[in-house]
Amino acid sequence: MAEQLNINNLELDDNTFDVLPDGDYHFTVESHELGYYSGNSEKIPPNTQQIICYLEIPFMKDGTVSTAKIKNTLNIYKKALFAVRQFVESIGMVPEKGKMKVDLDKIDGLEGVCSITTFEGNNGNEFNRAQQFYPPSKAPAITANDEAWSKKDDFMEVPDGIDPFDI
């Protein structure tokens, strides 16, 4: 018999997160999933397929590298394909002006540059979203997270003699 999880005894992290200032940022695709739009909109057709990407954006906070995570949804229908194309060009999967064919199994871990903006959600809280993705040839030379991007691998290193899987 499978063990059941008692959710009444779980300790959950608080839902605090950092809102990044508007600007251009380097990002890494942490993961993705496929979904379907189930909302009610005059602009988006019902049952539209979606690519939901989770972007990791390193930034400096109090002198150390921290990571913001942004959920980015790409709707796949004729009027929105420009946004899908921007995204896949930015991570180097499609040549600029080339035929768009995306192998979703290979997007996790790829990197690019995007423009991040702040918006107010329905609950009144501020959130970030990727407003635009830049192809590598048009990416800004300087981004808001250059210092954190150059150090992003430093905070992921495991010190000698420590086994990260020995829990």
Foldseek 3Di string as FASTA:
>chain_A
DDDDDDPVPDDDDDPDFDADAWWKFKKFFAAWDKDFDCDDDPVADHRFIKIKTKIWTWADDPRAIDIGIDIAIQTDDDVRVVQVVQVCLFLPNAPVVGDDDDDRVPRHGGMGMFTKHWDADPVRDIHIYGPTTHHPVPGDPDINGPVSVVCVVVVVDDDPPDDPVPD
